[in-house]
C-alpha atoms as a PDB file:
ATOM      1  CA  MET A   1     -51.097  34.113  46.268  1.00  0.00           C
ATOM      2  CA  SER A   2     -49.110  31.663  48.392  1.00  0.00           C
ATOM      3  CA  ASP A   3     -50.465  28.407  49.687  1.00  0.00           C
ATOM      4  CA  ALA A   4     -51.218  29.695  53.208  1.00  0.00           C
ATOM      5  CA  ALA A   5     -54.931  29.214  52.567  1.00  0.00           C
ATOM      6  CA  THR A   6     -54.509  25.543  51.768  1.00  0.00           C
ATOM      7  CA  ARG A   7     -52.258  25.010  54.761  1.00  0.00           C
ATOM      8  CA  ILE A   8     -54.858  26.231  57.252  1.00  0.00           C
ATOM      9  CA  THR A   9     -56.171  22.973  58.668  1.00  0.00           C
ATOM     10  CA  PRO A  10     -58.438  22.040  61.565  1.00  0.00           C
ATOM     11  CA  LYS A  11     -56.679  21.249  64.803  1.00  0.00           C
ATOM     12  CA  PRO A  12     -57.092  17.594  65.755  1.00  0.00           C
ATOM     13  CA  GLU A  13     -57.068  18.320  69.482  1.00  0.00           C
ATOM     14  CA  PRO A  14     -56.319  21.481  71.448  1.00  0.00           C
ATOM     15  CA  ARG A  15     -52.796  21.173  72.807  1.00  0.00           C
ATOM     16  CA  ARG A  16     -52.510  21.280  76.556  1.00  0.00           C
ATOM     17  CA  ILE A  17     -50.480  24.289  77.651  1.00  0.00           C
ATOM     18  CA  ARG A  18     -48.908  24.419  81.071  1.00  0.00           C
ATOM     19  CA  ARG A  19     -50.349  27.122  83.273  1.00  0.00           C
ATOM     20  CA  GLY A  20     -47.259  27.316  85.440  1.00  0.00           C
ATOM     21  CA  HIS A  21     -43.903  28.877  84.681  1.00  0.00           C
ATOM     22  CA  ALA A  22     -45.288  32.404  85.062  1.00  0.00           C
ATOM     23  CA  PHE A  23     -41.816  33.573  86.102  1.00  0.00           C
ATOM     24  CA  SER A  24     -39.766  31.358  83.815  1.00  0.00           C
ATOM     25  CA  LEU A  25     -37.011  33.035  81.809  1.00  0.00           C
ATOM     26  CA  PRO A  26     -38.984  32.951  78.502  1.00  0.00           C
ATOM     27  CA  ASN A  27     -41.921  34.688  80.174  1.00  0.00           C
ATOM     28  CA  LEU A  28     -39.636  37.206  81.886  1.00  0.00           C
ATOM     29  CA  LEU A  29     -38.259  38.122  78.450  1.00  0.00           C
ATOM     30  CA  THR A  30     -41.812  38.652  77.212  1.00  0.00           C
ATOM     31  CA  TYR A  31     -42.622  40.835  80.232  1.00  0.00           C
ATOM     32  CA  ALA A  32     -39.464  42.844  79.529  1.00  0.00           C
ATOM     33  CA  ARG A  33     -40.629  43.435  75.955  1.00  0.00           C
ATOM     34  CA  CYS A  34     -43.940  44.785  77.275  1.00  0.00           C
ATOM     35  CA  ILE A  35     -42.077  47.123  79.638  1.00  0.00           C
ATOM     36  CA  ALA A  36     -39.890  48.281  76.739  1.00  0.00           C
ATOM     37  CA  VAL A  37     -42.927  49.708  74.916  1.00  0.00           C
ATOM     38  CA  PRO A  38     -43.559  52.715  77.230  1.00  0.00           C
ATOM     39  CA  MET A  39     -39.788  53.179  77.643  1.00  0.00           C
ATOM     40  CA  VAL A  40     -39.258  53.612  73.897  1.00  0.00           C
ATOM     41  CA  ALA A  41     -42.280  55.911  73.682  1.00  0.00           C
ATOM     42  CA  ALA A  42     -40.996  57.988  76.604  1.00  0.00           C
ATOM     43  CA  CYS A  43     -37.572  58.422  74.979  1.00  0.00           C
ATOM     44  CA  LEU A  44     -39.126  59.616  71.719  1.00  0.00           C
ATOM     45  CA  PHE A  45     -41.531  61.931  73.541  1.00  0.00           C
ATOM     46  CA  TRP A  46     -38.744  63.374  75.675  1.00  0.00           C
ATOM     47  CA  SER A  47     -36.509  63.876  72.652  1.00  0.00           C
ATOM     48  CA  ASP A  48     -39.140  65.521  70.429  1.00  0.00           C
ATOM     49  CA  ILE A  49     -41.785  67.201  72.592  1.00  0.00           C
ATOM     50  CA  LEU A  50     -39.640  68.022  75.616  1.00  0.00           C
ATOM     51  CA  GLN A  51     -36.552  68.683  73.458  1.00  0.00           C
ATOM     52  CA  GLY A  52     -34.365  66.451  75.568  1.00  0.00           C
ATOM     53  CA  GLY A  53     -31.714  65.937  72.921  1.00  0.00           C
ATOM     54  CA  LEU A  54     -30.967  63.576  70.043  1.00  0.00           C
ATOM     55  CA  TRP A  55     -29.070  61.194  72.311  1.00  0.00           C
ATOM     56  CA  LEU A  56     -32.446  59.933  73.510  1.00  0.00           C
ATOM     57  CA  ARG A  57     -33.044  58.553  70.007  1.00  0.00           C
ATOM     58  CA  TRP A  58     -30.097  56.215  70.500  1.00  0.00           C
ATOM     59  CA  VAL A  59     -31.457  55.165  73.888  1.00  0.00           C
ATOM     60  CA  ALA A  60     -34.775  54.370  72.194  1.00  0.00           C
ATOM     61  CA  VAL A  61     -32.966  52.389  69.491  1.00  0.00           C
ATOM     62  CA  ALA A  62     -30.990  50.409  72.082  1.00  0.00           C
ATOM     63  CA  ILE A  63     -34.132  49.499  74.035  1.00  0.00           C
ATOM     64  CA  TYR A  64     -35.935  48.596  70.817  1.00  0.00           C
ATOM     65  CA  VAL A  65     -33.107  46.349  69.582  1.00  0.00           C
ATOM     66  CA  ILE A  66     -32.936  44.512  72.908  1.00  0.00           C
ATOM     67  CA  ALA A  67     -36.723  44.065  72.859  1.00  0.00           C
ATOM     68  CA  ALA A  68     -36.615  42.758  69.280  1.00  0.00           C
ATOM     69  CA  ILE A  69     -33.917  40.241  70.227  1.00  0.00           C
ATOM     70  CA  THR A  70     -36.019  38.939  73.113  1.00  0.00           C
ATOM     71  CA  ASP A  71     -38.783  38.273  70.572  1.00  0.00           C
ATOM     72  CA  PHE A  72     -36.640  35.453  69.189  1.00  0.00           C
ATOM     73  CA  PHE A  73     -35.223  34.088  72.414  1.00  0.00           C
ATOM     74  CA  ASP A  74     -38.422  33.874  74.462  1.00  0.00           C
ATOM     75  CA  GLY A  75     -40.096  31.528  72.003  1.00  0.00           C
ATOM     76  CA  TYR A  76     -36.922  29.556  71.316  1.00  0.00           C
ATOM     77  CA  LEU A  77     -36.143  29.011  74.998  1.00  0.00           C
ATOM     78  CA  ALA A  78     -39.758  28.163  75.826  1.00  0.00           C
ATOM     79  CA  ARG A  79     -39.686  25.363  73.256  1.00  0.00           C
ATOM     80  CA  ALA A  80     -36.160  24.193  74.053  1.00  0.00           C
ATOM     81  CA  TRP A  81     -36.769  24.078  77.803  1.00  0.00           C
ATOM     82  CA  GLN A  82     -40.381  22.920  77.496  1.00  0.00           C
ATOM     83  CA  GLN A  83     -41.569  25.952  79.443  1.00  0.00           C
ATOM     84  CA  GLN A  84     -44.437  26.955  77.162  1.00  0.00           C
ATOM     85  CA  SER A  85     -47.297  28.466  79.141  1.00  0.00           C
ATOM     86  CA  ALA A  86     -50.712  29.949  78.558  1.00  0.00           C
ATOM     87  CA  ILE A  87     -49.647  33.435  79.671  1.00  0.00           C
ATOM     88  CA  GLY A  88     -46.613  33.292  77.404  1.00  0.00           C
ATOM     89  CA  ARG A  89     -48.635  32.340  74.360  1.00  0.00           C
ATOM     90  CA  MET A  90     -51.095  35.124  75.113  1.00  0.00           C
ATOM     91  CA  LEU A  91     -48.591  37.908  75.791  1.00  0.00           C
ATOM     92  CA  ASP A  92     -45.995  37.142  73.103  1.00  0.00           C
ATOM     93  CA  PRO A  93     -48.001  38.338  70.064  1.00  0.00           C
ATOM     94  CA  ILE A  94     -49.498  41.187  72.094  1.00  0.00           C
ATOM     95  CA  ALA A  95     -46.042  42.453  73.073  1.00  0.00           C
ATOM     96  CA  ASP A  96     -44.884  42.347  69.444  1.00  0.00           C
ATOM     97  CA  LYS A  97     -47.861  44.334  68.184  1.00  0.00           C
ATOM     98  CA  LEU A  98     -47.659  46.866  71.010  1.00  0.00           C
ATOM     99  CA  LEU A  99     -43.990  47.515  70.312  1.00  0.00           C
ATOM    100  CA  VAL A 100     -44.364  48.019  66.557  1.00  0.00           C
ATOM    101  CA  SER A 101     -47.647  49.949  66.778  1.00  0.00           C
ATOM    102  CA  THR A 102     -46.372  52.320  69.464  1.00  0.00           C
ATOM    103  CA  CYS A 103     -43.175  53.025  67.547  1.00  0.00           C
ATOM    104  CA  LEU A 104     -45.090  53.748  64.336  1.00  0.00           C
ATOM    105  CA  LEU A 105     -47.432  56.147  66.129  1.00  0.00           C
ATOM    106  CA  MET A 106     -44.574  57.994  67.812  1.00  0.00           C
ATOM    107  CA  LEU A 107     -42.615  58.201  64.546  1.00  0.00           C
ATOM    108  CA  ALA A 108     -45.679  59.645  62.816  1.00  0.00           C
ATOM    109  CA  SER A 109     -46.089  62.116  65.681  1.00  0.00           C
ATOM    110  CA  ASP A 110     -42.547  63.497  65.424  1.00  0.00           C
ATOM    111  CA  GLY A 111     -42.660  63.673  61.621  1.00  0.00           C
ATOM    112  CA  THR A 112     -40.161  60.905  60.887  1.00  0.00           C
ATOM    113  CA  ILE A 113     -42.979  59.155  59.017  1.00  0.00           C
ATOM    114  CA  ARG A 114     -45.013  61.729  57.115  1.00  0.00           C
ATOM    115  CA  GLY A 115     -46.757  62.408  53.839  1.00  0.00           C
ATOM    116  CA  TRP A 116     -47.453  59.399  51.654  1.00  0.00           C
ATOM    117  CA  SER A 117     -45.346  57.192  53.913  1.00  0.00           C
ATOM    118  CA  LEU A 118     -48.094  57.427  56.534  1.00  0.00           C
ATOM    119  CA  TRP A 119     -50.121  55.050  54.354  1.00  0.00           C
ATOM    120  CA  ALA A 120     -47.448  52.385  54.773  1.00  0.00           C
ATOM    121  CA  ALA A 121     -47.839  52.674  58.547  1.00  0.00           C
ATOM    122  CA  VAL A 122     -51.641  52.590  58.244  1.00  0.00           C
ATOM    123  CA  VAL A 123     -51.494  49.412  56.146  1.00  0.00           C
ATOM    124  CA  ILE A 124     -49.257  47.703  58.703  1.00  0.00           C
ATOM    125  CA  LEU A 125     -51.452  48.708  61.651  1.00  0.00           C
ATOM    126  CA  CYS A 126     -54.687  47.668  59.924  1.00  0.00           C
ATOM    127  CA  ARG A 127     -53.220  44.311  58.958  1.00  0.00           C
ATOM    128  CA  GLU A 128     -52.187  43.598  62.552  1.00  0.00           C
ATOM    129  CA  ILE A 129     -55.726  44.296  63.769  1.00  0.00           C
ATOM    130  CA  LEU A 130     -57.300  42.251  60.971  1.00  0.00           C
ATOM    131  CA  VAL A 131     -55.096  39.205  61.440  1.00  0.00           C
ATOM    132  CA  SER A 132     -55.495  39.317  65.233  1.00  0.00           C
ATOM    133  CA  GLY A 133     -59.277  39.277  64.892  1.00  0.00           C
ATOM    134  CA  LEU A 134     -59.100  36.539  62.276  1.00  0.00           C
ATOM    135  CA  ARG A 135     -56.887  34.353  64.464  1.00  0.00           C
ATOM    136  CA  GLU A 136     -59.260  34.780  67.412  1.00  0.00           C
ATOM    137  CA  PHE A 137     -62.226  33.751  65.245  1.00  0.00           C
ATOM    138  CA  LEU A 138     -60.456  30.720  63.803  1.00  0.00           C
ATOM    139  CA  ALA A 139     -59.237  29.668  67.251  1.00  0.00           C
ATOM    140  CA  GLU A 140     -62.866  29.235  68.304  1.00  0.00           C
ATOM    141  CA  LEU A 141     -63.287  26.869  65.359  1.00  0.00           C
ATOM    142  CA  ARG A 142     -60.097  25.028  66.340  1.00  0.00           C
ATOM    143  CA  VAL A 143     -58.470  25.995  63.066  1.00  0.00           C
ATOM    144  CA  SER A 144     -54.738  26.640  63.099  1.00  0.00           C
ATOM    145  CA  VAL A 145     -53.143  29.463  61.120  1.00  0.00           C
ATOM    146  CA  PRO A 146     -49.527  28.577  60.283  1.00  0.00           C
ATOM    147  CA  VAL A 147     -47.155  31.479  59.803  1.00  0.00           C
ATOM    148  CA  SER A 148     -45.786  31.378  56.265  1.00  0.00           C
ATOM    149  CA  ARG A 149     -42.141  31.992  55.454  1.00  0.00           C
ATOM    150  CA  LEU A 150     -43.118  35.173  53.618  1.00  0.00           C
ATOM    151  CA  ALA A 151     -44.894  36.432  56.733  1.00  0.00           C
ATOM    152  CA  LYS A 152     -41.707  35.858  58.728  1.00  0.00           C
ATOM    153  CA  TRP A 153     -39.757  37.880  56.163  1.00  0.00           C
ATOM    154  CA  LYS A 154     -42.375  40.613  56.458  1.00  0.00           C
ATOM    155  CA  THR A 155     -41.889  40.729  60.208  1.00  0.00           C
ATOM    156  CA  THR A 156     -38.104  40.881  59.843  1.00  0.00           C
ATOM    157  CA  VAL A 157     -38.207  43.722  57.302  1.00  0.00           C
ATOM    158  CA  GLN A 158     -40.765  45.558  59.431  1.00  0.00           C
ATOM    159  CA  LEU A 159     -38.639  45.314  62.576  1.00  0.00           C
ATOM    160  CA  ILE A 160     -35.537  46.538  60.740  1.00  0.00           C
ATOM    161  CA  ALA A 161     -37.457  49.422  59.142  1.00  0.00           C
ATOM    162  CA  VAL A 162     -38.800  50.638  62.481  1.00  0.00           C
ATOM    163  CA  GLY A 163     -35.379  50.287  64.105  1.00  0.00           C
ATOM    164  CA  VAL A 164     -33.748  52.373  61.364  1.00  0.00           C
ATOM    165  CA  LEU A 165     -36.429  55.061  61.539  1.00  0.00           C
ATOM    166  CA  LEU A 166     -36.086  55.332  65.311  1.00  0.00           C
ATOM    167  CA  THR A 167     -32.663  56.917  64.810  1.00  0.00           C
ATOM    168  CA  GLY A 168     -34.365  59.976  63.268  1.00  0.00           C
ATOM    169  CA  GLN A 169     -32.238  63.087  62.987  1.00  0.00           C
ATOM    170  CA  ALA A 170     -29.539  61.494  65.113  1.00  0.00           C
ATOM    171  CA  GLY A 171     -29.151  58.834  62.470  1.00  0.00           C
ATOM    172  CA  GLU A 172     -29.132  61.409  59.677  1.00  0.00           C
ATOM    173  CA  GLN A 173     -26.263  63.245  61.310  1.00  0.00           C
ATOM    174  CA  LEU A 174     -24.275  60.037  61.561  1.00  0.00           C
ATOM    175  CA  LEU A 175     -25.251  58.541  58.204  1.00  0.00           C
ATOM    176  CA  PRO A 176     -27.092  60.859  55.784  1.00  0.00           C
ATOM    177  CA  GLY A 177     -29.909  59.094  53.931  1.00  0.00           C
ATOM    178  CA  ILE A 178     -30.560  56.501  56.620  1.00  0.00           C
ATOM    179  CA  ASN A 179     -34.152  57.701  57.084  1.00  0.00           C
ATOM    180  CA  LEU A 180     -34.790  57.216  53.373  1.00  0.00           C
ATOM    181  CA  LEU A 181     -33.560  53.649  53.777  1.00  0.00           C
ATOM    182  CA  GLY A 182     -35.960  53.176  56.683  1.00  0.00           C
ATOM    183  CA  ILE A 183     -38.896  54.552  54.690  1.00  0.00           C
ATOM    184  CA  THR A 184     -38.033  52.276  51.759  1.00  0.00           C
ATOM    185  CA  LEU A 185     -37.958  49.241  54.045  1.00  0.00           C
ATOM    186  CA  LEU A 186     -41.244  50.362  55.589  1.00  0.00           C
ATOM    187  CA  TRP A 187     -42.909  50.401  52.150  1.00  0.00           C
ATOM    188  CA  ILE A 188     -41.487  46.958  51.374  1.00  0.00           C
ATOM    189  CA  ALA A 189     -42.933  45.718  54.667  1.00  0.00           C
ATOM    190  CA  ALA A 190     -46.287  47.323  53.795  1.00  0.00           C
ATOM    191  CA  VAL A 191     -46.408  45.556  50.416  1.00  0.00           C
ATOM    192  CA  LEU A 192     -45.574  42.226  52.052  1.00  0.00           C
ATOM    193  CA  THR A 193     -48.189  43.025  54.679  1.00  0.00           C
ATOM    194  CA  LEU A 194     -50.891  43.435  52.035  1.00  0.00           C
ATOM    195  CA  TYR A 195     -49.871  40.205  50.335  1.00  0.00           C
ATOM    196  CA  THR A 196     -49.755  38.032  53.444  1.00  0.00           C
ATOM    197  CA  GLY A 197     -52.759  39.759  55.039  1.00  0.00           C
ATOM    198  CA  TYR A 198     -54.966  39.079  52.029  1.00  0.00           C
ATOM    199  CA  ASP A 199     -53.796  35.474  52.009  1.00  0.00           C
ATOM    200  CA  TYR A 200     -54.871  35.002  55.626  1.00  0.00           C
ATOM    201  CA  PHE A 201     -58.139  36.843  55.051  1.00  0.00           C
ATOM    202  CA  ARG A 202     -58.998  34.707  52.021  1.00  0.00           C
ATOM    203  CA  ALA A 203     -58.399  31.526  53.988  1.00  0.00           C
ATOM    204  CA  GLY A 204     -60.381  32.807  56.977  1.00  0.00           C
ATOM    205  CA  ALA A 205     -63.258  34.027  54.825  1.00  0.00           C
ATOM    206  CA  ARG A 206     -63.756  30.494  53.536  1.00  0.00           C
ATOM    207  CA  HIS A 207     -64.340  29.227  57.082  1.00  0.00           C
ATOM    208  CA  LEU A 208     -66.549  32.232  57.846  1.00  0.00           C
ATOM    209  CA  VAL A 209     -68.815  31.493  54.842  1.00  0.00           C
ATOM    210  CA  GLU A 210     -68.995  27.830  55.805  1.00  0.00           C
ATOM    211  CA  GLU A 211     -69.936  28.798  59.368  1.00  0.00           C
ATOM    212  CA  GLU A 212     -72.716  31.107  58.161  1.00  0.00           C
ATOM    213  CA  THR A 213     -74.150  28.525  55.778  1.00  0.00           C
END
């Protein structure tokens, strides 16, 4: 296991977060990512259930890519411009999880992810729920949970995998075998998810046992 467990340390003092800047550019990018979630889902639903055409898959991919890019810029700009806010810190991880979770569910619904590959999606979804609950528990104890480099790689591979799979049959027509690439990346993300998720859980369990005793 990595050293994430040893790097989880008590916070000396809760950092004061500005409550203003609700309509700052970083927060607007986060809001846009939240809006992108139903838009991507609608494109996939229209393409598959309502048989609207494969071109809608490319629309979904375009919206998803833009949303994924904002995931980097909202945090970067908030730090660079000192516009970090409470609502931004709350919505940023929520928007990320909503985007990935919704895409995985829609891809499972239209059969892009099926068979044994469904377990990769299940692992990713369960890990997101587990880590979210763990972070909330540790926050009450004023214990920080640093994001390891491996966890960042997991997120990158996961985002790429979902983006590739969103192309579906449209992508297969353009580049045969692209869905297999997406499934392979999804399994790699799932393995990294298990590794990093267990690392966080092991570190959190230590604080949970101490709290109980």
